[in-house]
Amino acid sequence: MKNIIILFLVIFQMANAAEKDSLISVNPFSKYHLFLEEEDDCDACGCSASGGSMGFASMLNSNFVGVRYFNQQYKSSDGLYSNSPWYKENFNTVQVWARVPVSENIQISALIPYHFHDKETSSGNKNIDGVGDVTVLAMYRLYQTHKDSTFFVHTLQMGGGIKMPTGKFNEVNSGSLNPSFQVGTGSWDYLLATEYILRRKQFGLNAMFNYVLKTENQKNYRFGNQFNYAGTFFYLYEKNDFSIVPQLGLAGEVYESNYQHSQKLKDTSGEILFGKLGFEVGKDRFSIGANAMLPIYQNLTGGNVEANYRWSINFNYSL
């Protein structure tokens, strides 16, 4: 497998919810934000790219540039016989991302992914790599309570974005056991996102929902629309210029059927629910984080694809 410097993305945004004394601190992370990653170019069963619910959290940075790496492990089988062999699939993604505010309530994020995947087949190992689909997303803060006027702090955000077909779509791979063995969808896809945050002092809960509308590509192939959701409990600890945020939660993805030449393809829909655990640590303007996800329940492509686990690491610089 190639050696690639690890790069990050996620677009997971949270409201300004630090205590009064931390707001006047020199800590660059004291204006605490949770970024909802609405970029989502995983398709069919979450395999071709980012995985719609991998945690997508940069809990400490408000305006930043960063890099992230994540790995997804799957296995697939044709399911024709009870003893049909299972083959391992290894999906790797490196992402460069940035977030820039354009007004008090509007933020724009952009990301560029690079994928390098490999899998076992009956005729030997197969590898693909290349730049993935570039995504641009805008989020608007609809509502936020004042932290000194209520027992809880509430924040509601909504937004949308677009995923451009900059990654290569290989029509041959679309007919394999896992049609998501791609570096791009070849289609223009559209994202709708909502995030709600409830917080009391250092404790909080983030709930996010996003929906990806897929379109048909030039090869007359369309990946099924995708719904992602997650709920994450977190705790923020800050002292001087040091911050740490442990996280624990659940995340899920639901995939509709794929279509080819307007015909629904059998066994291409599915759903999966993960348990997730992670943390992020910040010092001065730098932060590093990691998270892991294990499936609790799954039914992908008629049982012919199984997810094993996902994990990620990230490194960000606060602007």
Protein backbone atom coordinates (compact mmCIF):
# COMPACT_ATOMS: atom_id res chain seq x y z
CA MET A 1 0.00 0.00 0.00
CA LYS A 2 1.23 3.48 -0.79
CA ASN A 3 2.71 5.75 1.83
CA ILE A 4 0.62 8.90 1.81
CA ILE A 5 0.74 11.82 4.22
CA ILE A 6 -2.47 11.84 6.06
CA LEU A 7 -4.92 14.63 5.43
CA PHE A 8 -8.38 15.47 7.01
CA LEU A 9 -11.82 16.69 6.32
CA VAL A 10 -15.15 16.82 7.85
CA ILE A 11 -17.54 19.51 7.98
CA PHE A 12 -19.06 19.38 11.41
CA GLN A 13 -19.91 22.70 12.88
CA MET A 14 -21.04 23.76 16.30
CA ALA A 15 -22.15 26.81 18.06
CA ASN A 16 -20.16 29.15 20.21
CA ALA A 17 -20.81 27.70 23.63
CA ALA A 18 -17.90 28.31 26.00
CA GLU A 19 -18.24 29.79 29.47
CA LYS A 20 -17.65 33.52 30.01
CA ASP A 21 -14.24 33.12 31.56
CA SER A 22 -13.03 30.97 28.65
CA LEU A 23 -14.17 33.51 26.09
CA ILE A 24 -11.57 35.98 27.29
CA SER A 25 -8.87 33.33 27.47
CA VAL A 26 -5.91 33.24 25.09
CA ASN A 27 -6.83 29.70 24.16
CA PRO A 28 -7.47 29.70 20.36
CA PHE A 29 -9.93 26.82 20.88
CA SER A 30 -11.98 28.58 23.57
CA LYS A 31 -14.71 29.47 21.09
CA TYR A 32 -15.83 25.89 20.93
CA HIS A 33 -17.33 24.62 17.70
CA LEU A 34 -18.46 21.25 16.47
CA PHE A 35 -18.28 20.92 12.72
CA LEU A 36 -20.89 18.90 10.90
CA GLU A 37 -19.20 17.26 8.00
CA GLU A 38 -21.69 17.36 5.20
CA GLU A 39 -19.25 16.19 2.64
CA ASP A 40 -20.32 12.72 1.84
CA ASP A 41 -19.18 10.91 -1.27
CA CYS A 42 -19.63 7.44 0.15
CA ASP A 43 -22.11 5.53 -1.96
CA ALA A 44 -24.12 2.32 -2.02
CA CYS A 45 -22.67 1.02 1.23
CA GLY A 46 -20.38 3.70 2.50
CA CYS A 47 -17.31 2.28 0.86
CA SER A 48 -16.17 4.56 -1.92
CA ALA A 49 -15.09 7.47 0.17
CA SER A 50 -15.68 9.13 3.47
CA GLY A 51 -18.37 7.10 5.18
CA GLY A 52 -21.29 9.35 5.99
CA SER A 53 -21.18 9.03 9.78
CA MET A 54 -17.54 8.56 10.75
CA GLY A 55 -17.79 11.14 13.47
CA PHE A 56 -16.80 14.04 11.30
CA ALA A 57 -15.78 16.07 14.30
CA SER A 58 -13.22 18.76 14.71
CA MET A 59 -14.37 19.74 18.15
CA LEU A 60 -11.84 22.49 18.77
CA ASN A 61 -11.29 24.54 15.62
CA SER A 62 -13.58 27.30 14.40
CA ASN A 63 -11.60 28.62 11.40
CA PHE A 64 -8.93 26.24 10.22
CA VAL A 65 -7.04 24.25 7.64
CA GLY A 66 -6.45 20.58 8.27
CA VAL A 67 -5.68 17.10 7.06
CA ARG A 68 -7.30 13.77 7.85
CA TYR A 69 -6.85 10.08 7.09
CA PHE A 70 -9.40 7.37 7.59
CA ASN A 71 -9.57 3.67 6.88
CA GLN A 72 -12.57 1.41 6.29
CA GLN A 73 -12.41 -2.38 6.31
CA TYR A 74 -15.01 -4.51 4.50
CA LYS A 75 -15.42 -8.02 3.17
CA SER A 76 -17.64 -9.18 0.31
CA SER A 77 -18.97 -12.41 -1.15
CA ASP A 78 -21.14 -13.35 -4.13
CA GLY A 79 -23.44 -15.27 -1.76
CA LEU A 80 -24.21 -17.93 -4.35
CA TYR A 81 -23.29 -20.82 -2.05
CA SER A 82 -23.06 -21.29 1.70
CA ASN A 83 -19.31 -21.80 1.36
CA SER A 84 -18.70 -18.97 -1.11
CA PRO A 85 -15.40 -17.25 -0.24
CA TRP A 86 -15.24 -13.83 1.40
CA TYR A 87 -12.73 -11.28 0.11
CA LYS A 88 -11.20 -8.43 2.11
CA GLU A 89 -11.59 -4.81 0.96
CA ASN A 90 -9.50 -1.94 2.29
CA PHE A 91 -10.68 1.64 1.66
CA ASN A 92 -8.33 4.53 2.43
CA THR A 93 -9.04 8.24 2.12
CA VAL A 94 -6.88 11.31 2.66
CA GLN A 95 -8.63 14.67 2.76
CA VAL A 96 -7.49 18.27 2.78
CA TRP A 97 -10.09 20.69 4.13
CA ALA A 98 -10.65 24.28 5.20
CA ARG A 99 -13.42 26.36 6.75
CA VAL A 100 -13.88 30.11 6.22
CA PRO A 101 -16.62 32.33 7.71
CA VAL A 102 -18.25 34.74 5.26
CA SER A 103 -20.55 36.42 7.81
CA GLU A 104 -21.55 36.07 11.45
CA ASN A 105 -23.97 33.21 10.69
CA ILE A 106 -22.64 31.72 7.44
CA GLN A 107 -19.61 29.49 6.96
CA ILE A 108 -18.27 27.92 3.77
CA SER A 109 -16.22 24.74 3.77
CA ALA A 110 -14.33 22.99 0.99
CA LEU A 111 -12.52 19.68 0.75
CA ILE A 112 -10.40 17.68 -1.64
CA PRO A 113 -10.20 13.90 -1.05
CA TYR A 114 -7.64 11.43 -2.36
CA HIS A 115 -8.51 7.71 -2.31
CA PHE A 116 -6.36 4.61 -2.50
CA HIS A 117 -8.29 1.36 -2.23
CA ASP A 118 -7.36 -2.31 -2.57
CA LYS A 119 -9.27 -5.57 -2.43
CA GLU A 120 -8.84 -9.30 -2.83
CA THR A 121 -10.40 -11.08 -5.83
CA SER A 122 -10.42 -14.64 -7.12
CA SER A 123 -7.76 -13.63 -9.65
CA GLY A 124 -5.53 -11.69 -7.25
CA ASN A 125 -5.40 -8.29 -5.55
CA LYS A 126 -6.78 -5.18 -7.25
CA ASN A 127 -5.86 -1.55 -6.52
CA ILE A 128 -7.28 1.83 -7.51
CA ASP A 129 -6.26 5.35 -6.51
CA GLY A 130 -6.87 8.95 -7.48
CA VAL A 131 -8.37 12.31 -6.56
CA GLY A 132 -11.97 11.99 -5.41
CA ASP A 133 -14.98 14.26 -5.77
CA VAL A 134 -14.50 17.84 -4.52
CA THR A 135 -17.22 19.18 -2.22
CA VAL A 136 -18.23 22.72 -1.26
CA LEU A 137 -20.71 23.31 1.55
CA ALA A 138 -22.40 26.34 3.15
CA MET A 139 -23.99 26.26 6.61
CA TYR A 140 -26.32 28.90 8.10
CA ARG A 141 -26.97 29.28 11.83
CA LEU A 142 -30.73 29.67 12.24
CA TYR A 143 -30.90 29.93 16.01
CA GLN A 144 -28.71 30.08 19.10
CA THR A 145 -29.67 30.83 22.71
CA HIS A 146 -27.61 33.19 24.85
CA LYS A 147 -25.52 31.17 27.26
CA ASP A 148 -26.28 33.50 30.18
CA SER A 149 -30.07 33.49 29.70
CA THR A 150 -30.99 29.81 29.86
CA PHE A 151 -30.09 26.59 31.66
CA PHE A 152 -29.22 24.93 28.34
CA VAL A 153 -27.57 26.32 25.23
CA HIS A 154 -29.37 25.39 21.99
CA THR A 155 -28.00 25.79 18.47
CA LEU A 156 -29.69 24.94 15.18
CA GLN A 157 -27.94 25.07 11.81
CA MET A 158 -28.99 24.17 8.27
CA GLY A 159 -27.21 24.22 4.95
CA GLY A 160 -26.48 22.66 1.61
CA GLY A 161 -23.70 21.94 -0.79
CA ILE A 162 -22.58 20.33 -3.99
CA LYS A 163 -20.24 17.46 -4.82
CA MET A 164 -18.51 17.78 -8.19
CA PRO A 165 -17.53 14.79 -10.39
CA THR A 166 -13.77 15.36 -10.19
CA GLY A 167 -13.09 11.73 -9.28
CA LYS A 168 -12.93 8.98 -11.89
CA PHE A 169 -15.85 6.55 -12.16
CA ASN A 170 -14.94 3.11 -13.54
CA GLU A 171 -17.95 1.46 -15.13
CA VAL A 172 -16.37 -2.00 -14.87
CA ASN A 173 -16.17 -1.72 -11.08
CA SER A 174 -19.86 -0.82 -10.85
CA GLY A 175 -20.71 -4.41 -11.74
CA SER A 176 -18.55 -5.92 -8.98
CA LEU A 177 -19.77 -7.33 -5.67
CA ASN A 178 -19.20 -3.93 -4.11
CA PRO A 179 -20.08 -1.23 -6.69
CA SER A 180 -18.61 1.42 -4.37
CA PHE A 181 -15.06 0.34 -5.23
CA GLN A 182 -14.52 3.71 -6.94
CA VAL A 183 -12.65 6.98 -6.41
CA GLY A 184 -15.61 9.03 -7.68
CA THR A 185 -19.28 8.76 -8.57
CA GLY A 186 -18.99 10.55 -11.92
CA SER A 187 -22.08 12.56 -11.00
CA TRP A 188 -23.13 15.95 -9.66
CA ASP A 189 -24.58 15.29 -6.21
CA TYR A 190 -26.34 17.65 -3.80
CA LEU A 191 -26.27 17.78 0.00
CA LEU A 192 -28.85 18.95 2.53
CA ALA A 193 -27.82 19.20 6.17
CA THR A 194 -29.22 19.93 9.63
CA GLU A 195 -27.49 20.02 13.00
CA TYR A 196 -28.80 20.55 16.51
CA ILE A 197 -26.63 21.04 19.61
CA LEU A 198 -27.73 20.93 23.23
CA ARG A 199 -25.20 21.96 25.85
CA ARG A 200 -24.97 22.49 29.61
CA LYS A 201 -21.60 23.92 30.75
CA GLN A 202 -18.88 21.48 29.59
CA PHE A 203 -21.31 18.66 28.70
CA GLY A 204 -23.22 18.46 25.45
CA LEU A 205 -25.05 16.44 22.83
CA ASN A 206 -24.76 16.94 19.09
CA ALA A 207 -27.35 15.51 16.69
CA MET A 208 -26.76 15.73 12.96
CA PHE A 209 -28.73 14.66 9.89
CA ASN A 210 -27.74 14.98 6.25
CA TYR A 211 -29.20 13.74 2.99
CA VAL A 212 -27.31 13.31 -0.27
CA LEU A 213 -29.22 13.50 -3.55
CA LYS A 214 -27.38 11.52 -6.25
CA THR A 215 -27.78 12.10 -9.98
CA GLU A 216 -27.05 9.91 -13.00
CA ASN A 217 -23.53 10.08 -14.40
CA GLN A 218 -22.43 10.00 -18.05
CA LYS A 219 -22.23 6.20 -17.91
CA ASN A 220 -25.98 6.07 -17.11
CA TYR A 221 -25.23 4.88 -13.59
CA ARG A 222 -26.76 6.47 -10.49
CA PHE A 223 -25.82 5.64 -6.92
CA GLY A 224 -28.75 5.58 -4.52
CA ASN A 225 -29.57 8.60 -2.38
CA GLN A 226 -28.06 8.46 1.09
CA PHE A 227 -29.24 9.48 4.56
CA ASN A 228 -26.71 9.91 7.40
CA TYR A 229 -27.41 10.56 11.07
CA ALA A 230 -25.41 10.68 14.30
CA GLY A 231 -25.73 11.53 17.97
CA THR A 232 -22.58 12.33 19.97
CA PHE A 233 -22.11 13.07 23.67
CA PHE A 234 -19.06 15.18 24.46
CA TYR A 235 -17.22 16.84 27.33
CA LEU A 236 -15.02 19.92 26.91
CA TYR A 237 -12.10 20.47 29.28
CA GLU A 238 -10.04 23.68 28.94
CA LYS A 239 -7.10 25.05 30.89
CA ASN A 240 -5.01 27.96 29.63
CA ASP A 241 -4.03 27.04 26.05
CA PHE A 242 -4.80 23.32 26.39
CA SER A 243 -8.14 21.66 25.48
CA ILE A 244 -9.40 18.09 25.30
CA VAL A 245 -12.78 16.75 24.12
CA PRO A 246 -13.67 13.06 24.61
CA GLN A 247 -16.67 11.83 22.59
CA LEU A 248 -19.04 8.85 22.64
CA GLY A 249 -22.04 8.15 20.42
CA LEU A 250 -23.93 6.34 17.68
CA ALA A 251 -23.94 6.91 13.92
CA GLY A 252 -25.91 5.43 11.05
CA GLU A 253 -26.15 5.40 7.26
CA VAL A 254 -29.06 4.37 5.03
CA TYR A 255 -28.56 3.74 1.29
CA GLU A 256 -31.22 3.56 -1.40
CA SER A 257 -30.84 1.28 -4.44
CA ASN A 258 -28.51 2.09 -7.32
CA TYR A 259 -29.82 2.46 -10.88
CA GLN A 260 -28.30 1.71 -14.26
CA HIS A 261 -30.04 2.87 -17.46
CA SER A 262 -32.99 3.80 -15.19
CA GLN A 263 -33.31 0.20 -13.98
CA LYS A 264 -33.08 -0.54 -10.26
CA LEU A 265 -30.16 -2.82 -9.44
CA LYS A 266 -30.84 -5.69 -7.07
CA ASP A 267 -29.02 -5.86 -3.72
CA THR A 268 -27.48 -2.38 -3.83
CA SER A 269 -29.38 -0.78 -0.94
CA GLY A 270 -28.63 -1.17 2.74
CA GLU A 271 -28.21 0.30 6.19
CA ILE A 272 -25.69 0.24 9.02
CA LEU A 273 -25.47 1.45 12.62
CA PHE A 274 -22.14 2.12 14.36
CA GLY A 275 -21.00 2.75 17.90
CA LYS A 276 -18.22 5.35 18.00
CA LEU A 277 -15.57 6.55 20.43
CA GLY A 278 -13.08 9.37 19.96
CA PHE A 279 -11.20 12.36 21.30
CA GLU A 280 -9.51 15.57 20.20
CA VAL A 281 -6.69 17.46 21.94
CA GLY A 282 -5.64 21.07 21.26
CA LYS A 283 -2.55 23.05 22.25
CA ASP A 284 -1.93 26.62 21.09
CA ARG A 285 -3.18 26.67 17.47
CA PHE A 286 -2.72 22.96 16.78
CA SER A 287 -5.04 20.02 17.44
CA ILE A 288 -4.93 16.28 16.88
CA GLY A 289 -7.76 13.79 17.12
CA ALA A 290 -8.78 10.20 16.50
CA ASN A 291 -11.92 8.09 16.48
CA ALA A 292 -12.98 4.50 15.93
CA MET A 293 -16.29 2.95 14.87
CA LEU A 294 -17.59 -0.59 15.18
CA PRO A 295 -20.82 -1.87 13.56
CA ILE A 296 -23.69 -2.75 15.89
CA TYR A 297 -26.16 -3.68 13.15
CA GLN A 298 -25.81 -3.89 9.37
CA ASN A 299 -27.58 -5.13 6.26
CA LEU A 300 -25.59 -4.06 3.21
CA THR A 301 -26.22 -5.14 -0.42
CA GLY A 302 -28.41 -8.08 0.55
CA GLY A 303 -25.83 -9.35 3.03
CA ASN A 304 -23.11 -9.67 0.40
CA VAL A 305 -20.98 -6.89 1.91
CA GLU A 306 -20.02 -6.64 5.59
CA ALA A 307 -18.32 -3.72 7.31
CA ASN A 308 -15.68 -4.64 9.90
CA TYR A 309 -14.55 -1.32 11.39
CA ARG A 310 -13.53 2.26 10.63
CA TRP A 311 -10.93 4.50 12.21
CA SER A 312 -9.48 7.93 11.54
CA ILE A 313 -6.85 10.43 12.68
CA ASN A 314 -6.72 14.15 11.99
CA PHE A 315 -4.45 17.17 12.39
CA ASN A 316 -5.69 20.79 12.20
CA TYR A 317 -4.25 24.29 12.44
CA SER A 318 -6.50 27.06 13.80
CA LEU A 319 -6.47 30.25 11.71
